[in-house]
């Protein structure tokens, strides 16, 4: 029997979707999450409730920084593949809550890679990094590439994600197990995170409240639909690098969209216009993100399929159903 796959952060947006995809293809999945209150726990609990009829899924409420607990879980279940998505998210939250990032992102990542390096016949660790590691840089003609230095993070969140990449690089070199870090670019869609702009805008627009548009609306993001992200995660998992190799790969849509265009598309999707209050750039934000995904495409055939208008339509349909609107 194939060993179960450990997926961390299964009460979270990307972890929830990834675990479901693995289950759909017949894998056995062990999920962990601490179900913290960074945003509404009711949404996290609702995501977990979708696994109740999934025979191949087992959940453990556990903090990823619990090194002994993680090691025991990996050892007891003979885990040889891990998708590590649990982390403290959010650029702006890090300004007032820095130690949350130390615990979840740094200590949590170390707990995972330490457990993996002691696992018997370990196959592959895939973990979440972030496009924020590139810092605030011009988009360029072809997007951000993995070969760029990524040496000037402008937020603590970004610094912890880059630190995780460096820890994984050292562990791959020292202990010889394959690892892949995925630099996510602005993931959105049904079951998403309420702290993300498109979700927060929807909440306010539906309540008739004005939205605050930071960066005077001049920012751009490489919005990537959740199903496309999961395609890339699973594709990367199935194509591990050589023993002792660590790699980082961009995973995005490669079609950056201006913030004002995103808002107009969202207004169409939800059927309401937004009252906008223009604000300056927030500390830690970057002007634009743009993924060059040629390496992931070459490895897995990854090709995003869902464009922003369709993706926001799907999100709006889910949102109205989940909150019983319309």
C-alpha atoms as a PDB file:
ATOM      1  CA  UNK A   1       0.000   0.000   0.000  1.00  0.00           C
ATOM      2  CA  UNK A   2       1.250   3.478  -0.880  1.00  0.00           C
ATOM      3  CA  UNK A   3       2.155   5.578   2.147  1.00  0.00           C
ATOM      4  CA  UNK A   4      -0.149   8.511   2.942  1.00  0.00           C
ATOM      5  CA  UNK A   5       0.800  12.032   1.884  1.00  0.00           C
ATOM      6  CA  UNK A   6       1.114  14.589   4.677  1.00  0.00           C
ATOM      7  CA  UNK A   7      -0.480  17.928   3.767  1.00  0.00           C
ATOM      8  CA  UNK A   8       0.020  20.743   6.253  1.00  0.00           C
ATOM      9  CA  UNK A   9      -2.456  23.620   6.420  1.00  0.00           C
ATOM     10  CA  UNK A  10      -5.500  21.589   5.328  1.00  0.00           C
ATOM     11  CA  UNK A  11      -7.912  24.024   7.015  1.00  0.00           C
ATOM     12  CA  UNK A  12      -6.366  26.730   4.840  1.00  0.00           C
ATOM     13  CA  UNK A  13      -7.291  27.785   1.331  1.00  0.00           C
ATOM     14  CA  UNK A  14      -4.607  26.054  -0.740  1.00  0.00           C
ATOM     15  CA  UNK A  15      -4.175  23.084   1.600  1.00  0.00           C
ATOM     16  CA  UNK A  16      -7.911  22.319   1.496  1.00  0.00           C
ATOM     17  CA  UNK A  17      -7.974  22.321  -2.315  1.00  0.00           C
ATOM     18  CA  UNK A  18      -4.755  20.314  -2.629  1.00  0.00           C
ATOM     19  CA  UNK A  19      -5.890  17.608  -0.210  1.00  0.00           C
ATOM     20  CA  UNK A  20      -9.159  17.209  -2.124  1.00  0.00           C
ATOM     21  CA  UNK A  21      -7.319  16.831  -5.426  1.00  0.00           C
ATOM     22  CA  UNK A  22      -5.068  14.133  -3.964  1.00  0.00           C
ATOM     23  CA  UNK A  23      -8.069  12.284  -2.536  1.00  0.00           C
ATOM     24  CA  UNK A  24      -9.855  12.465  -5.892  1.00  0.00           C
ATOM     25  CA  UNK A  25      -7.005  10.602  -7.533  1.00  0.00           C
ATOM     26  CA  UNK A  26      -7.006   7.880  -4.896  1.00  0.00           C
ATOM     27  CA  UNK A  27      -4.291   9.002  -2.492  1.00  0.00           C
ATOM     28  CA  UNK A  28      -4.522   8.679   1.274  1.00  0.00           C
ATOM     29  CA  UNK A  29      -3.988  12.038   2.972  1.00  0.00           C
ATOM     30  CA  UNK A  30      -3.092  13.014   6.521  1.00  0.00           C
ATOM     31  CA  UNK A  31      -3.892  16.668   7.147  1.00  0.00           C
ATOM     32  CA  UNK A  32      -2.740  18.932   9.946  1.00  0.00           C
ATOM     33  CA  UNK A  33      -3.665  22.489  10.919  1.00  0.00           C
ATOM     34  CA  UNK A  34      -3.807  24.482  14.134  1.00  0.00           C
ATOM     35  CA  UNK A  35      -7.013  26.279  12.989  1.00  0.00           C
ATOM     36  CA  UNK A  36      -5.815  29.628  14.341  1.00  0.00           C
ATOM     37  CA  UNK A  37      -7.889  32.815  14.390  1.00  0.00           C
ATOM     38  CA  UNK A  38      -5.874  34.880  11.890  1.00  0.00           C
ATOM     39  CA  UNK A  39      -9.196  35.066  10.048  1.00  0.00           C
ATOM     40  CA  UNK A  40     -12.632  33.623  10.817  1.00  0.00           C
ATOM     41  CA  UNK A  41     -12.236  30.080  12.163  1.00  0.00           C
ATOM     42  CA  UNK A  42     -15.747  29.250  10.976  1.00  0.00           C
ATOM     43  CA  UNK A  43     -14.473  29.287   7.383  1.00  0.00           C
ATOM     44  CA  UNK A  44     -11.574  26.995   8.296  1.00  0.00           C
ATOM     45  CA  UNK A  45     -13.937  24.632  10.084  1.00  0.00           C
ATOM     46  CA  UNK A  46     -16.281  24.665   7.067  1.00  0.00           C
ATOM     47  CA  UNK A  47     -13.364  23.678   4.827  1.00  0.00           C
ATOM     48  CA  UNK A  48     -12.511  20.800   7.160  1.00  0.00           C
ATOM     49  CA  UNK A  49     -16.164  19.705   7.176  1.00  0.00           C
ATOM     50  CA  UNK A  50     -15.897  19.005   3.431  1.00  0.00           C
ATOM     51  CA  UNK A  51     -13.601  16.067   4.277  1.00  0.00           C
ATOM     52  CA  UNK A  52     -16.126  14.309   6.533  1.00  0.00           C
ATOM     53  CA  UNK A  53     -17.218  11.874   3.825  1.00  0.00           C
ATOM     54  CA  UNK A  54     -13.680  11.274   2.505  1.00  0.00           C
ATOM     55  CA  UNK A  55     -12.572   7.821   3.629  1.00  0.00           C
ATOM     56  CA  UNK A  56      -8.931   8.448   2.753  1.00  0.00           C
ATOM     57  CA  UNK A  57      -8.527  11.560   4.892  1.00  0.00           C
ATOM     58  CA  UNK A  58      -7.377  11.815   8.507  1.00  0.00           C
ATOM     59  CA  UNK A  59      -7.040  15.121  10.329  1.00  0.00           C
ATOM     60  CA  UNK A  60      -4.836  16.037  13.282  1.00  0.00           C
ATOM     61  CA  UNK A  61      -5.234  19.413  14.955  1.00  0.00           C
ATOM     62  CA  UNK A  62      -1.589  20.283  15.430  1.00  0.00           C
ATOM     63  CA  UNK A  63       0.726  23.269  15.198  1.00  0.00           C
ATOM     64  CA  UNK A  64       3.320  22.826  12.488  1.00  0.00           C
ATOM     65  CA  UNK A  65       5.995  24.129  14.871  1.00  0.00           C
ATOM     66  CA  UNK A  66       5.437  21.101  17.150  1.00  0.00           C
ATOM     67  CA  UNK A  67       8.662  19.406  16.074  1.00  0.00           C
ATOM     68  CA  UNK A  68       8.209  16.294  18.206  1.00  0.00           C
ATOM     69  CA  UNK A  69       4.607  15.850  17.106  1.00  0.00           C
ATOM     70  CA  UNK A  70       5.458  16.278  13.430  1.00  0.00           C
ATOM     71  CA  UNK A  71       8.366  13.848  13.654  1.00  0.00           C
ATOM     72  CA  UNK A  72       6.191  11.258  15.390  1.00  0.00           C
ATOM     73  CA  UNK A  73       3.450  11.614  12.765  1.00  0.00           C
ATOM     74  CA  UNK A  74       5.893  11.148   9.893  1.00  0.00           C
ATOM     75  CA  UNK A  75       7.556   8.188  11.585  1.00  0.00           C
ATOM     76  CA  UNK A  76       4.406   6.373  12.697  1.00  0.00           C
ATOM     77  CA  UNK A  77       2.707   6.576   9.296  1.00  0.00           C
ATOM     78  CA  UNK A  78       5.771   5.887   7.186  1.00  0.00           C
ATOM     79  CA  UNK A  79       5.292   9.162   5.318  1.00  0.00           C
ATOM     80  CA  UNK A  80       7.594   9.640   2.337  1.00  0.00           C
ATOM     81  CA  UNK A  81       5.896  12.600   0.597  1.00  0.00           C
ATOM     82  CA  UNK A  82       4.970  15.925   2.216  1.00  0.00           C
ATOM     83  CA  UNK A  83       3.211  19.007   0.871  1.00  0.00           C
ATOM     84  CA  UNK A  84       3.943  21.758   3.386  1.00  0.00           C
ATOM     85  CA  UNK A  85       1.514  24.663   2.990  1.00  0.00           C
ATOM     86  CA  UNK A  86       0.929  25.738   6.607  1.00  0.00           C
ATOM     87  CA  UNK A  87       2.283  29.199   7.399  1.00  0.00           C
ATOM     88  CA  UNK A  88       1.406  32.525   8.910  1.00  0.00           C
ATOM     89  CA  UNK A  89       0.247  34.479   5.877  1.00  0.00           C
ATOM     90  CA  UNK A  90      -0.174  38.194   5.266  1.00  0.00           C
ATOM     91  CA  UNK A  91       2.270  41.019   4.625  1.00  0.00           C
ATOM     92  CA  UNK A  92       0.485  43.713   6.654  1.00  0.00           C
ATOM     93  CA  UNK A  93      -0.200  41.439   9.643  1.00  0.00           C
ATOM     94  CA  UNK A  94       3.550  40.941  10.103  1.00  0.00           C
ATOM     95  CA  UNK A  95       4.035  44.585  11.055  1.00  0.00           C
ATOM     96  CA  UNK A  96       2.344  44.136  14.444  1.00  0.00           C
ATOM     97  CA  UNK A  97       2.682  40.365  14.912  1.00  0.00           C
ATOM     98  CA  UNK A  98       6.273  39.453  14.000  1.00  0.00           C
ATOM     99  CA  UNK A  99       6.635  36.495  16.342  1.00  0.00           C
ATOM    100  CA  UNK A 100       3.705  34.696  14.701  1.00  0.00           C
ATOM    101  CA  UNK A 101       5.955  34.441  11.628  1.00  0.00           C
ATOM    102  CA  UNK A 102       8.923  33.242  13.645  1.00  0.00           C
ATOM    103  CA  UNK A 103       6.859  30.380  15.064  1.00  0.00           C
ATOM    104  CA  UNK A 104       4.762  29.275  12.104  1.00  0.00           C
ATOM    105  CA  UNK A 105       7.089  30.013   9.212  1.00  0.00           C
ATOM    106  CA  UNK A 106      10.604  29.555  10.567  1.00  0.00           C
ATOM    107  CA  UNK A 107      10.163  27.053  13.404  1.00  0.00           C
ATOM    108  CA  UNK A 108       7.379  25.331  11.451  1.00  0.00           C
ATOM    109  CA  UNK A 109       9.500  24.875   8.338  1.00  0.00           C
ATOM    110  CA  UNK A 110      12.422  23.628  10.388  1.00  0.00           C
ATOM    111  CA  UNK A 111      10.167  21.082  12.112  1.00  0.00           C
ATOM    112  CA  UNK A 112       9.025  19.782   8.723  1.00  0.00           C
ATOM    113  CA  UNK A 113      12.440  19.465   7.102  1.00  0.00           C
ATOM    114  CA  UNK A 114      13.902  17.894  10.237  1.00  0.00           C
ATOM    115  CA  UNK A 115      11.127  15.264  10.260  1.00  0.00           C
ATOM    116  CA  UNK A 116      11.627  14.594   6.550  1.00  0.00           C
ATOM    117  CA  UNK A 117      15.372  14.114   6.841  1.00  0.00           C
ATOM    118  CA  UNK A 118      14.848  11.350   9.431  1.00  0.00           C
ATOM    119  CA  UNK A 119      12.070   9.628   7.444  1.00  0.00           C
ATOM    120  CA  UNK A 120      12.893   6.255   5.913  1.00  0.00           C
ATOM    121  CA  UNK A 121      13.013   6.167   2.092  1.00  0.00           C
ATOM    122  CA  UNK A 122      11.818   9.749   1.864  1.00  0.00           C
ATOM    123  CA  UNK A 123      10.759  10.731  -1.675  1.00  0.00           C
ATOM    124  CA  UNK A 124       9.892  14.436  -1.909  1.00  0.00           C
ATOM    125  CA  UNK A 125       9.024  17.562   0.072  1.00  0.00           C
ATOM    126  CA  UNK A 126       7.051  20.253  -1.753  1.00  0.00           C
ATOM    127  CA  UNK A 127       6.626  23.449   0.240  1.00  0.00           C
ATOM    128  CA  UNK A 128       5.049  26.879  -0.157  1.00  0.00           C
ATOM    129  CA  UNK A 129       7.263  29.865  -0.773  1.00  0.00           C
ATOM    130  CA  UNK A 130       5.999  33.168  -2.129  1.00  0.00           C
ATOM    131  CA  UNK A 131       6.408  35.677  -4.941  1.00  0.00           C
ATOM    132  CA  UNK A 132       7.054  38.228  -2.195  1.00  0.00           C
ATOM    133  CA  UNK A 133      10.671  37.009  -2.005  1.00  0.00           C
ATOM    134  CA  UNK A 134      11.398  39.013  -5.181  1.00  0.00           C
ATOM    135  CA  UNK A 135      10.824  42.305  -3.364  1.00  0.00           C
ATOM    136  CA  UNK A 136       9.550  45.455  -5.058  1.00  0.00           C
ATOM    137  CA  UNK A 137      10.991  45.206  -8.552  1.00  0.00           C
ATOM    138  CA  UNK A 138       9.924  46.174 -12.094  1.00  0.00           C
ATOM    139  CA  UNK A 139       7.934  43.474 -13.895  1.00  0.00           C
ATOM    140  CA  UNK A 140      10.165  43.378 -16.972  1.00  0.00           C
ATOM    141  CA  UNK A 141       9.106  41.947 -20.299  1.00  0.00           C
ATOM    142  CA  UNK A 142       8.960  38.261 -19.342  1.00  0.00           C
ATOM    143  CA  UNK A 143       8.208  38.289 -15.634  1.00  0.00           C
ATOM    144  CA  UNK A 144      10.125  37.344 -12.522  1.00  0.00           C
ATOM    145  CA  UNK A 145      12.497  34.412 -13.000  1.00  0.00           C
ATOM    146  CA  UNK A 146      13.778  31.965 -10.401  1.00  0.00           C
ATOM    147  CA  UNK A 147      17.386  32.801 -11.269  1.00  0.00           C
ATOM    148  CA  UNK A 148      17.052  36.339  -9.912  1.00  0.00           C
ATOM    149  CA  UNK A 149      18.775  36.926  -6.551  1.00  0.00           C
ATOM    150  CA  UNK A 150      15.622  37.492  -4.408  1.00  0.00           C
ATOM    151  CA  UNK A 151      17.851  39.234  -1.894  1.00  0.00           C
ATOM    152  CA  UNK A 152      15.788  42.302  -0.961  1.00  0.00           C
ATOM    153  CA  UNK A 153      12.516  41.309   0.747  1.00  0.00           C
ATOM    154  CA  UNK A 154      10.426  44.311   1.799  1.00  0.00           C
ATOM    155  CA  UNK A 155       8.334  42.574   4.479  1.00  0.00           C
ATOM    156  CA  UNK A 156       9.022  40.217   7.357  1.00  0.00           C
ATOM    157  CA  UNK A 157       6.677  37.700   5.729  1.00  0.00           C
ATOM    158  CA  UNK A 158       8.829  37.729   2.581  1.00  0.00           C
ATOM    159  CA  UNK A 159      12.006  37.439   4.650  1.00  0.00           C
ATOM    160  CA  UNK A 160      10.703  34.335   6.412  1.00  0.00           C
ATOM    161  CA  UNK A 161       9.740  32.716   3.108  1.00  0.00           C
ATOM    162  CA  UNK A 162      13.177  33.377   1.650  1.00  0.00           C
ATOM    163  CA  UNK A 163      14.704  32.017   4.857  1.00  0.00           C
ATOM    164  CA  UNK A 164      12.695  28.815   4.418  1.00  0.00           C
ATOM    165  CA  UNK A 165      14.151  28.414   0.935  1.00  0.00           C
ATOM    166  CA  UNK A 166      17.670  28.789   2.325  1.00  0.00           C
ATOM    167  CA  UNK A 167      16.991  26.280   5.109  1.00  0.00           C
ATOM    168  CA  UNK A 168      15.720  23.792   2.555  1.00  0.00           C
ATOM    169  CA  UNK A 169      18.752  24.388   0.350  1.00  0.00           C
ATOM    170  CA  UNK A 170      21.065  23.596   3.243  1.00  0.00           C
ATOM    171  CA  UNK A 171      19.106  20.482   4.282  1.00  0.00           C
ATOM    172  CA  UNK A 172      19.053  19.129   0.738  1.00  0.00           C
ATOM    173  CA  UNK A 173      22.811  19.571   0.530  1.00  0.00           C
ATOM    174  CA  UNK A 174      23.507  18.151   3.983  1.00  0.00           C
ATOM    175  CA  UNK A 175      21.053  15.259   4.101  1.00  0.00           C
ATOM    176  CA  UNK A 176      20.299  14.445   0.489  1.00  0.00           C
ATOM    177  CA  UNK A 177      16.520  14.446   0.242  1.00  0.00           C
ATOM    178  CA  UNK A 178      14.697  16.095  -2.702  1.00  0.00           C
ATOM    179  CA  UNK A 179      12.821  19.350  -2.110  1.00  0.00           C
ATOM    180  CA  UNK A 180      10.811  21.773  -4.222  1.00  0.00           C
ATOM    181  CA  UNK A 181       9.808  25.269  -3.110  1.00  0.00           C
ATOM    182  CA  UNK A 182       6.892  26.836  -4.995  1.00  0.00           C
ATOM    183  CA  UNK A 183       6.729  30.625  -5.204  1.00  0.00           C
ATOM    184  CA  UNK A 184       2.982  31.296  -5.274  1.00  0.00           C
ATOM    185  CA  UNK A 185       1.598  34.352  -7.071  1.00  0.00           C
ATOM    186  CA  UNK A 186      -1.684  35.796  -5.632  1.00  0.00           C
ATOM    187  CA  UNK A 187      -3.952  32.773  -5.395  1.00  0.00           C
ATOM    188  CA  UNK A 188      -7.720  33.377  -5.509  1.00  0.00           C
ATOM    189  CA  UNK A 189     -11.005  31.515  -5.921  1.00  0.00           C
ATOM    190  CA  UNK A 190     -13.796  29.737  -4.011  1.00  0.00           C
ATOM    191  CA  UNK A 191     -13.000  28.922  -0.356  1.00  0.00           C
ATOM    192  CA  UNK A 192     -10.379  31.682  -0.460  1.00  0.00           C
ATOM    193  CA  UNK A 193      -8.836  33.791   2.290  1.00  0.00           C
ATOM    194  CA  UNK A 194     -10.888  36.736   3.630  1.00  0.00           C
ATOM    195  CA  UNK A 195      -7.703  38.796   4.114  1.00  0.00           C
ATOM    196  CA  UNK A 196      -7.033  38.825   0.364  1.00  0.00           C
ATOM    197  CA  UNK A 197      -8.073  41.955  -1.528  1.00  0.00           C
ATOM    198  CA  UNK A 198     -10.667  40.393  -3.829  1.00  0.00           C
ATOM    199  CA  UNK A 199     -12.404  38.694  -0.865  1.00  0.00           C
ATOM    200  CA  UNK A 200     -12.253  41.740   1.401  1.00  0.00           C
ATOM    201  CA  UNK A 201     -13.542  43.971  -1.390  1.00  0.00           C
ATOM    202  CA  UNK A 202     -16.459  41.583  -1.932  1.00  0.00           C
ATOM    203  CA  UNK A 203     -17.344  41.637   1.769  1.00  0.00           C
ATOM    204  CA  UNK A 204     -17.477  45.434   1.796  1.00  0.00           C
ATOM    205  CA  UNK A 205     -19.232  45.876  -1.532  1.00  0.00           C
ATOM    206  CA  UNK A 206     -21.953  43.415  -0.528  1.00  0.00           C
ATOM    207  CA  UNK A 207     -22.468  45.367   2.724  1.00  0.00           C
ATOM    208  CA  UNK A 208     -22.624  48.677   0.868  1.00  0.00           C
ATOM    209  CA  UNK A 209     -19.372  49.903   2.421  1.00  0.00           C
ATOM    210  CA  UNK A 210     -16.578  51.737   0.555  1.00  0.00           C
ATOM    211  CA  UNK A 211     -13.399  49.867  -0.292  1.00  0.00           C
ATOM    212  CA  UNK A 212      -9.892  51.196   0.318  1.00  0.00           C
ATOM    213  CA  UNK A 213      -7.724  50.922  -2.788  1.00  0.00           C
ATOM    214  CA  UNK A 214      -4.042  50.998  -1.834  1.00  0.00           C
ATOM    215  CA  UNK A 215      -1.216  52.197  -4.019  1.00  0.00           C
ATOM    216  CA  UNK A 216      -3.692  54.646  -5.584  1.00  0.00           C
ATOM    217  CA  UNK A 217      -4.897  51.682  -7.653  1.00  0.00           C
ATOM    218  CA  UNK A 218      -1.625  51.535  -9.610  1.00  0.00           C
ATOM    219  CA  UNK A 219      -0.527  48.106  -8.420  1.00  0.00           C
ATOM    220  CA  UNK A 220      -0.743  44.920 -10.499  1.00  0.00           C
ATOM    221  CA  UNK A 221      -0.903  41.266  -9.479  1.00  0.00           C
ATOM    222  CA  UNK A 222      -0.488  37.933 -11.230  1.00  0.00           C
ATOM    223  CA  UNK A 223      -3.841  36.521 -10.062  1.00  0.00           C
ATOM    224  CA  UNK A 224      -3.794  32.717 -10.201  1.00  0.00           C
ATOM    225  CA  UNK A 225      -6.922  30.583  -9.873  1.00  0.00           C
ATOM    226  CA  UNK A 226      -6.888  27.908  -7.184  1.00  0.00           C
ATOM    227  CA  UNK A 227      -7.440  24.950  -9.545  1.00  0.00           C
ATOM    228  CA  UNK A 228      -4.454  26.023 -11.629  1.00  0.00           C
ATOM    229  CA  UNK A 229      -2.330  26.328  -8.501  1.00  0.00           C
ATOM    230  CA  UNK A 230      -3.266  22.801  -7.439  1.00  0.00           C
ATOM    231  CA  UNK A 231      -2.354  21.516 -10.909  1.00  0.00           C
ATOM    232  CA  UNK A 232       1.122  22.908 -10.375  1.00  0.00           C
ATOM    233  CA  UNK A 233       1.496  21.606  -6.817  1.00  0.00           C
ATOM    234  CA  UNK A 234       0.524  18.056  -7.724  1.00  0.00           C
ATOM    235  CA  UNK A 235       2.580  18.165 -10.907  1.00  0.00           C
ATOM    236  CA  UNK A 236       5.642  19.240  -8.929  1.00  0.00           C
ATOM    237  CA  UNK A 237       5.033  16.521  -6.324  1.00  0.00           C
ATOM    238  CA  UNK A 238       4.959  13.870  -9.036  1.00  0.00           C
ATOM    239  CA  UNK A 239       8.259  15.061 -10.527  1.00  0.00           C
ATOM    240  CA  UNK A 240      10.800  15.174  -7.696  1.00  0.00           C
ATOM    241  CA  UNK A 241      14.290  16.473  -8.344  1.00  0.00           C
ATOM    242  CA  UNK A 242      17.325  14.239  -8.021  1.00  0.00           C
ATOM    243  CA  UNK A 243      18.464  13.041  -4.616  1.00  0.00           C
ATOM    244  CA  UNK A 244      20.063  15.896  -2.736  1.00  0.00           C
ATOM    245  CA  UNK A 245      18.647  18.545  -5.050  1.00  0.00           C
ATOM    246  CA  UNK A 246      16.622  21.566  -3.957  1.00  0.00           C
ATOM    247  CA  UNK A 247      14.830  23.759  -6.498  1.00  0.00           C
ATOM    248  CA  UNK A 248      12.483  26.732  -6.436  1.00  0.00           C
ATOM    249  CA  UNK A 249       9.784  27.184  -9.064  1.00  0.00           C
ATOM    250  CA  UNK A 250       7.383  30.007  -9.833  1.00  0.00           C
ATOM    251  CA  UNK A 251       3.715  29.064  -9.912  1.00  0.00           C
ATOM    252  CA  UNK A 252       1.422  31.758 -11.261  1.00  0.00           C
ATOM    253  CA  UNK A 253      -0.755  32.783 -14.178  1.00  0.00           C
ATOM    254  CA  UNK A 254       1.792  34.871 -16.130  1.00  0.00           C
ATOM    255  CA  UNK A 255      -0.880  37.498 -16.895  1.00  0.00           C
ATOM    256  CA  UNK A 256      -0.545  40.381 -14.400  1.00  0.00           C
ATOM    257  CA  UNK A 257      -3.705  42.446 -14.032  1.00  0.00           C
ATOM    258  CA  UNK A 258      -3.935  46.004 -12.741  1.00  0.00           C
ATOM    259  CA  UNK A 259      -5.760  46.488  -9.459  1.00  0.00           C
ATOM    260  CA  UNK A 260      -8.401  48.753 -10.983  1.00  0.00           C
ATOM    261  CA  UNK A 261      -9.096  46.217 -13.742  1.00  0.00           C
ATOM    262  CA  UNK A 262      -9.464  43.498 -11.106  1.00  0.00           C
ATOM    263  CA  UNK A 263     -11.985  45.650  -9.211  1.00  0.00           C
ATOM    264  CA  UNK A 264     -14.004  46.288 -12.379  1.00  0.00           C
ATOM    265  CA  UNK A 265     -14.029  42.559 -13.144  1.00  0.00           C
ATOM    266  CA  UNK A 266     -15.114  41.813  -9.570  1.00  0.00           C
ATOM    267  CA  UNK A 267     -17.910  44.397  -9.766  1.00  0.00           C
ATOM    268  CA  UNK A 268     -19.233  42.634 -12.861  1.00  0.00           C
ATOM    269  CA  UNK A 269     -18.986  39.220 -11.209  1.00  0.00           C
ATOM    270  CA  UNK A 270     -20.908  40.173  -8.066  1.00  0.00           C
ATOM    271  CA  UNK A 271     -23.290  42.578  -9.778  1.00  0.00           C
ATOM    272  CA  UNK A 272     -22.547  45.641  -7.620  1.00  0.00           C
ATOM    273  CA  UNK A 273     -20.446  48.770  -8.046  1.00  0.00           C
ATOM    274  CA  UNK A 274     -17.873  49.740  -5.442  1.00  0.00           C
ATOM    275  CA  UNK A 275     -17.382  53.103  -3.780  1.00  0.00           C
ATOM    276  CA  UNK A 276     -13.613  53.562  -3.815  1.00  0.00           C
ATOM    277  CA  UNK A 277     -11.339  55.433  -1.420  1.00  0.00           C
ATOM    278  CA  UNK A 278      -7.823  55.779  -2.813  1.00  0.00           C
ATOM    279  CA  UNK A 279      -4.975  55.203  -0.354  1.00  0.00           C
ATOM    280  CA  UNK A 280      -1.157  55.301  -0.616  1.00  0.00           C
ATOM    281  CA  UNK A 281       0.940  52.150  -0.751  1.00  0.00           C
ATOM    282  CA  UNK A 282       1.041  50.183   2.507  1.00  0.00           C
ATOM    283  CA  UNK A 283       4.373  49.281   4.142  1.00  0.00           C
ATOM    284  CA  UNK A 284       5.623  45.925   2.885  1.00  0.00           C
ATOM    285  CA  UNK A 285       3.502  45.925  -0.287  1.00  0.00           C
ATOM    286  CA  UNK A 286       5.086  45.610  -3.720  1.00  0.00           C
ATOM    287  CA  UNK A 287       4.031  47.428  -6.878  1.00  0.00           C
ATOM    288  CA  UNK A 288       3.622  44.422  -9.154  1.00  0.00           C
ATOM    289  CA  UNK A 289       4.071  40.663  -9.475  1.00  0.00           C
ATOM    290  CA  UNK A 290       4.542  38.698 -12.698  1.00  0.00           C
ATOM    291  CA  UNK A 291       5.473  35.012 -12.849  1.00  0.00           C
ATOM    292  CA  UNK A 292       7.708  33.448 -15.463  1.00  0.00           C
ATOM    293  CA  UNK A 293       6.483  29.831 -15.232  1.00  0.00           C
ATOM    294  CA  UNK A 294       8.602  28.352 -18.021  1.00  0.00           C
ATOM    295  CA  UNK A 295      10.505  26.047 -15.664  1.00  0.00           C
ATOM    296  CA  UNK A 296       7.344  24.589 -14.123  1.00  0.00           C
ATOM    297  CA  UNK A 297       5.841  24.205 -17.603  1.00  0.00           C
ATOM    298  CA  UNK A 298       8.916  22.348 -18.849  1.00  0.00           C
ATOM    299  CA  UNK A 299       8.818  20.024 -15.847  1.00  0.00           C
ATOM    300  CA  UNK A 300       5.102  19.270 -15.638  1.00  0.00           C
ATOM    301  CA  UNK A 301       3.326  20.777 -18.647  1.00  0.00           C
ATOM    302  CA  UNK A 302       1.770  23.333 -16.294  1.00  0.00           C
ATOM    303  CA  UNK A 303      -0.427  25.784 -18.153  1.00  0.00           C
ATOM    304  CA  UNK A 304      -2.997  27.981 -16.329  1.00  0.00           C
ATOM    305  CA  UNK A 305      -6.485  27.556 -17.778  1.00  0.00           C
ATOM    306  CA  UNK A 306      -8.790  29.903 -15.817  1.00  0.00           C
ATOM    307  CA  UNK A 307      -8.637  33.596 -16.643  1.00  0.00           C
ATOM    308  CA  UNK A 308      -9.584  36.265 -14.122  1.00  0.00           C
ATOM    309  CA  UNK A 309     -13.150  36.971 -15.304  1.00  0.00           C
ATOM    310  CA  UNK A 310     -14.112  33.295 -15.163  1.00  0.00           C
ATOM    311  CA  UNK A 311     -12.328  32.768 -11.863  1.00  0.00           C
ATOM    312  CA  UNK A 312     -14.031  35.729 -10.189  1.00  0.00           C
ATOM    313  CA  UNK A 313     -17.404  34.545 -11.543  1.00  0.00           C
ATOM    314  CA  UNK A 314     -16.799  31.189  -9.861  1.00  0.00           C
ATOM    315  CA  UNK A 315     -15.738  32.929  -6.661  1.00  0.00           C
ATOM    316  CA  UNK A 316     -18.839  35.157  -6.667  1.00  0.00           C
ATOM    317  CA  UNK A 317     -21.106  32.136  -7.130  1.00  0.00           C
ATOM    318  CA  UNK A 318     -19.426  30.344  -4.220  1.00  0.00           C
ATOM    319  CA  UNK A 319     -19.460  33.486  -2.036  1.00  0.00           C
ATOM    320  CA  UNK A 320     -23.182  34.063  -2.459  1.00  0.00           C
ATOM    321  CA  UNK A 321     -23.904  30.397  -1.764  1.00  0.00           C
ATOM    322  CA  UNK A 322     -21.622  30.170   1.287  1.00  0.00           C
ATOM    323  CA  UNK A 323     -22.988  33.342   2.874  1.00  0.00           C
ATOM    324  CA  UNK A 324     -26.537  32.567   1.674  1.00  0.00           C
ATOM    325  CA  UNK A 325     -26.920  35.720  -0.372  1.00  0.00           C
ATOM    326  CA  UNK A 326     -29.027  36.377  -3.465  1.00  0.00           C
END
